[in-house]
N, C-alpha and C. Protein backbone atom coordinates (compact mmCIF):
# COMPACT_ATOMS: atom_id res chain seq x y z
N MET A 1 30.27 34.07 10.48
CA MET A 1 29.51 35.27 10.68
C MET A 1 28.02 34.96 10.81
N ILE A 2 27.50 34.05 10.01
CA ILE A 2 26.08 33.74 10.04
C ILE A 2 25.68 33.17 11.40
N GLU A 3 26.47 32.25 11.92
CA GLU A 3 26.14 31.65 13.22
C GLU A 3 26.13 32.70 14.33
N GLN A 4 27.10 33.60 14.33
CA GLN A 4 27.15 34.64 15.36
C GLN A 4 25.94 35.56 15.26
N GLN A 5 25.55 35.94 14.06
CA GLN A 5 24.37 36.80 13.88
C GLN A 5 23.11 36.09 14.34
N LEU A 6 22.99 34.82 14.03
CA LEU A 6 21.82 34.07 14.46
C LEU A 6 21.74 34.01 15.98
N LYS A 7 22.87 33.74 16.63
CA LYS A 7 22.89 33.69 18.10
C LYS A 7 22.49 35.02 18.71
N ARG A 8 22.85 36.13 18.06
CA ARG A 8 22.46 37.46 18.55
C ARG A 8 20.98 37.74 18.32
N SER A 9 20.38 37.07 17.35
CA SER A 9 19.02 37.39 16.92
C SER A 9 17.93 36.54 17.57
N ILE A 10 18.30 35.38 18.09
CA ILE A 10 17.29 34.50 18.68
C ILE A 10 17.56 34.31 20.17
N ARG A 11 16.54 33.85 20.88
CA ARG A 11 16.71 33.51 22.29
C ARG A 11 16.98 32.02 22.38
N ILE A 12 18.11 31.68 22.99
CA ILE A 12 18.46 30.28 23.19
C ILE A 12 18.24 29.97 24.67
N PRO A 13 17.25 29.15 24.99
CA PRO A 13 16.97 28.84 26.39
C PRO A 13 18.15 28.15 27.07
N GLU A 14 18.25 28.32 28.37
CA GLU A 14 19.31 27.67 29.13
C GLU A 14 19.22 26.16 28.92
N GLY A 15 20.36 25.53 28.71
CA GLY A 15 20.40 24.09 28.50
C GLY A 15 20.19 23.68 27.05
N HIS A 16 19.94 24.63 26.17
CA HIS A 16 19.77 24.36 24.74
C HIS A 16 20.99 24.88 23.99
N HIS A 17 21.24 24.36 22.81
CA HIS A 17 22.35 24.87 22.00
C HIS A 17 22.07 24.68 20.51
N LEU A 18 22.77 25.49 19.72
CA LEU A 18 22.67 25.40 18.26
C LEU A 18 23.65 24.38 17.73
N VAL A 19 23.20 23.61 16.76
CA VAL A 19 24.06 22.64 16.09
C VAL A 19 24.06 22.98 14.61
N HIS A 20 25.25 23.15 14.05
CA HIS A 20 25.39 23.43 12.62
C HIS A 20 25.08 22.15 11.84
N VAL A 21 24.28 22.28 10.79
CA VAL A 21 23.91 21.13 9.96
C VAL A 21 24.57 21.31 8.60
N ASP A 22 25.43 20.38 8.24
CA ASP A 22 26.09 20.44 6.94
C ASP A 22 25.10 20.08 5.84
N THR A 23 25.09 20.89 4.80
CA THR A 23 24.26 20.61 3.63
C THR A 23 25.11 20.80 2.39
N GLU A 24 24.80 20.04 1.37
CA GLU A 24 25.53 20.18 0.11
C GLU A 24 24.88 21.26 -0.73
N SER A 25 25.71 22.13 -1.29
CA SER A 25 25.17 23.17 -2.16
C SER A 25 25.01 22.60 -3.57
N ASP A 26 24.08 23.17 -4.28
CA ASP A 26 23.80 22.76 -5.65
C ASP A 26 24.68 23.57 -6.59
N PRO A 27 25.66 22.94 -7.26
CA PRO A 27 26.56 23.70 -8.14
C PRO A 27 25.84 24.33 -9.33
N GLU A 28 24.66 23.84 -9.65
CA GLU A 28 23.87 24.39 -10.76
C GLU A 28 23.14 25.67 -10.36
N ARG A 29 23.08 25.93 -9.07
CA ARG A 29 22.30 27.07 -8.58
C ARG A 29 23.24 28.13 -8.01
N ALA A 30 23.45 29.18 -8.77
CA ALA A 30 24.31 30.27 -8.31
C ALA A 30 23.49 31.22 -7.45
N THR A 31 24.06 31.63 -6.33
CA THR A 31 23.37 32.57 -5.45
C THR A 31 24.28 33.75 -5.14
N THR A 32 23.69 34.82 -4.69
CA THR A 32 24.46 36.01 -4.31
C THR A 32 24.56 36.11 -2.80
N TYR A 33 24.20 35.06 -2.09
CA TYR A 33 24.23 35.07 -0.63
C TYR A 33 24.74 33.72 -0.12
N ASP A 34 25.19 33.71 1.12
CA ASP A 34 25.64 32.49 1.78
C ASP A 34 24.54 31.99 2.70
N THR A 35 24.37 30.69 2.78
CA THR A 35 23.36 30.11 3.67
C THR A 35 23.99 29.07 4.58
N GLU A 36 23.42 28.92 5.76
CA GLU A 36 23.81 27.88 6.70
C GLU A 36 22.56 27.40 7.41
N ASN A 37 22.55 26.13 7.78
CA ASN A 37 21.41 25.54 8.47
C ASN A 37 21.82 25.12 9.87
N PHE A 38 20.89 25.30 10.82
CA PHE A 38 21.15 24.98 12.21
C PHE A 38 19.93 24.30 12.82
N GLN A 39 20.19 23.56 13.89
CA GLN A 39 19.12 22.99 14.69
C GLN A 39 19.31 23.48 16.12
N LEU A 40 18.21 23.79 16.78
CA LEU A 40 18.22 24.10 18.20
C LEU A 40 17.80 22.83 18.92
N VAL A 41 18.67 22.32 19.78
CA VAL A 41 18.38 21.08 20.50
C VAL A 41 18.41 21.34 22.00
N ASP A 42 17.63 20.54 22.73
CA ASP A 42 17.63 20.68 24.19
C ASP A 42 18.77 19.86 24.77
N GLY A 43 18.88 19.85 26.09
CA GLY A 43 19.97 19.16 26.77
C GLY A 43 20.02 17.67 26.54
N GLU A 44 18.90 17.09 26.11
CA GLU A 44 18.85 15.65 25.84
C GLU A 44 19.03 15.34 24.35
N GLY A 45 19.28 16.38 23.56
CA GLY A 45 19.50 16.19 22.13
C GLY A 45 18.24 16.17 21.29
N ASN A 46 17.10 16.51 21.90
CA ASN A 46 15.83 16.54 21.16
C ASN A 46 15.74 17.80 20.32
N LEU A 47 15.27 17.65 19.10
CA LEU A 47 15.10 18.78 18.20
C LEU A 47 13.99 19.70 18.71
N VAL A 48 14.30 20.99 18.82
CA VAL A 48 13.32 21.99 19.26
C VAL A 48 12.90 22.85 18.07
N ALA A 49 13.88 23.25 17.24
CA ALA A 49 13.61 24.12 16.10
C ALA A 49 14.72 23.97 15.07
N ARG A 50 14.40 24.38 13.84
CA ARG A 50 15.39 24.42 12.75
C ARG A 50 15.49 25.86 12.25
N PHE A 51 16.67 26.23 11.80
CA PHE A 51 16.89 27.57 11.26
C PHE A 51 17.61 27.47 9.93
N ASN A 52 17.13 28.21 8.96
CA ASN A 52 17.81 28.39 7.68
C ASN A 52 18.22 29.86 7.69
N ALA A 53 19.50 30.11 7.87
CA ALA A 53 20.00 31.48 7.99
C ALA A 53 20.83 31.84 6.76
N TRP A 54 20.85 33.12 6.43
CA TRP A 54 21.56 33.57 5.24
C TRP A 54 22.14 34.96 5.47
N ALA A 55 23.17 35.27 4.71
CA ALA A 55 23.79 36.60 4.75
C ALA A 55 24.22 36.98 3.35
N MET A 56 24.06 38.24 3.04
CA MET A 56 24.46 38.79 1.75
C MET A 56 25.61 39.75 2.01
N GLU A 57 26.82 39.23 1.88
CA GLU A 57 28.05 39.98 2.17
C GLU A 57 27.88 40.71 3.49
N ASP A 58 28.16 42.01 3.52
CA ASP A 58 28.00 42.78 4.75
C ASP A 58 26.76 43.66 4.69
N SER A 59 25.76 43.25 3.91
CA SER A 59 24.57 44.08 3.72
C SER A 59 23.38 43.63 4.54
N PHE A 60 23.03 42.35 4.45
CA PHE A 60 21.82 41.85 5.10
C PHE A 60 22.07 40.48 5.73
N PHE A 61 21.32 40.20 6.77
CA PHE A 61 21.29 38.88 7.42
C PHE A 61 19.83 38.53 7.65
N GLY A 62 19.50 37.27 7.55
CA GLY A 62 18.13 36.86 7.83
C GLY A 62 18.05 35.39 8.16
N TYR A 63 16.88 34.99 8.63
CA TYR A 63 16.67 33.58 8.92
C TYR A 63 15.19 33.23 8.83
N PHE A 64 14.95 31.96 8.59
CA PHE A 64 13.63 31.36 8.69
C PHE A 64 13.71 30.38 9.85
N GLU A 65 12.72 30.41 10.73
CA GLU A 65 12.68 29.49 11.87
C GLU A 65 11.51 28.53 11.68
N TYR A 66 11.79 27.24 11.83
CA TYR A 66 10.79 26.19 11.69
C TYR A 66 10.69 25.42 13.01
N ASP A 67 9.48 24.99 13.36
CA ASP A 67 9.35 24.16 14.56
C ASP A 67 9.84 22.75 14.24
N ALA A 68 9.78 21.86 15.22
CA ALA A 68 10.29 20.50 15.05
C ALA A 68 9.55 19.72 13.97
N ASP A 69 8.32 20.15 13.66
CA ASP A 69 7.53 19.49 12.61
C ASP A 69 7.74 20.09 11.23
N GLY A 70 8.60 21.11 11.13
CA GLY A 70 8.90 21.72 9.84
C GLY A 70 7.99 22.86 9.44
N GLU A 71 7.14 23.33 10.36
CA GLU A 71 6.24 24.45 10.08
C GLU A 71 6.97 25.78 10.31
N LEU A 72 6.86 26.70 9.36
CA LEU A 72 7.47 28.02 9.50
C LEU A 72 6.80 28.76 10.65
N ILE A 73 7.60 29.23 11.62
CA ILE A 73 7.03 29.95 12.75
C ILE A 73 7.55 31.38 12.88
N ASP A 74 8.66 31.70 12.21
CA ASP A 74 9.19 33.06 12.28
C ASP A 74 10.17 33.28 11.14
N ARG A 75 10.33 34.55 10.79
CA ARG A 75 11.34 34.94 9.80
C ARG A 75 11.78 36.35 10.13
N LYS A 76 13.01 36.64 9.79
CA LYS A 76 13.55 37.95 10.13
C LYS A 76 14.63 38.32 9.12
N THR A 77 14.69 39.60 8.77
CA THR A 77 15.75 40.14 7.93
C THR A 77 16.28 41.39 8.60
N VAL A 78 17.59 41.49 8.68
CA VAL A 78 18.24 42.62 9.34
C VAL A 78 19.25 43.23 8.38
N GLY A 79 19.24 44.55 8.26
CA GLY A 79 20.23 45.24 7.44
C GLY A 79 21.43 45.62 8.28
N PHE A 80 22.61 45.46 7.73
CA PHE A 80 23.84 45.91 8.39
C PHE A 80 24.16 47.30 7.87
N PHE A 81 24.44 48.21 8.75
CA PHE A 81 24.77 49.57 8.35
C PHE A 81 26.07 49.98 9.00
N SER A 82 26.97 50.53 8.21
CA SER A 82 28.22 51.02 8.77
C SER A 82 28.17 52.53 8.83
N GLU A 83 28.80 53.06 9.87
CA GLU A 83 28.80 54.51 10.02
C GLU A 83 29.83 55.13 9.09
N ALA A 84 29.47 56.25 8.48
CA ALA A 84 30.40 56.96 7.60
C ALA A 84 31.51 57.56 8.44
N GLN A 85 32.70 57.54 7.91
CA GLN A 85 33.84 58.08 8.66
C GLN A 85 34.19 59.45 8.17
């Protein structure tokens, strides 16, 4: 779910793609949200940007975007809302 939300939220230039980065979670640190890390790479495999994305169940999604040098360049939080039936 996190990867799909991120793809909907950012512009991925033609010839670029997201790569999921595996990270180990800290068992000592309990969180109420899920996180995933991604890299945006160009067609030659060069790093363009990094993303730390997170989701809190079906309530919120967000991400931090870093440039290739690790500088924060953008952040976004989006609320998920379901229609009452």
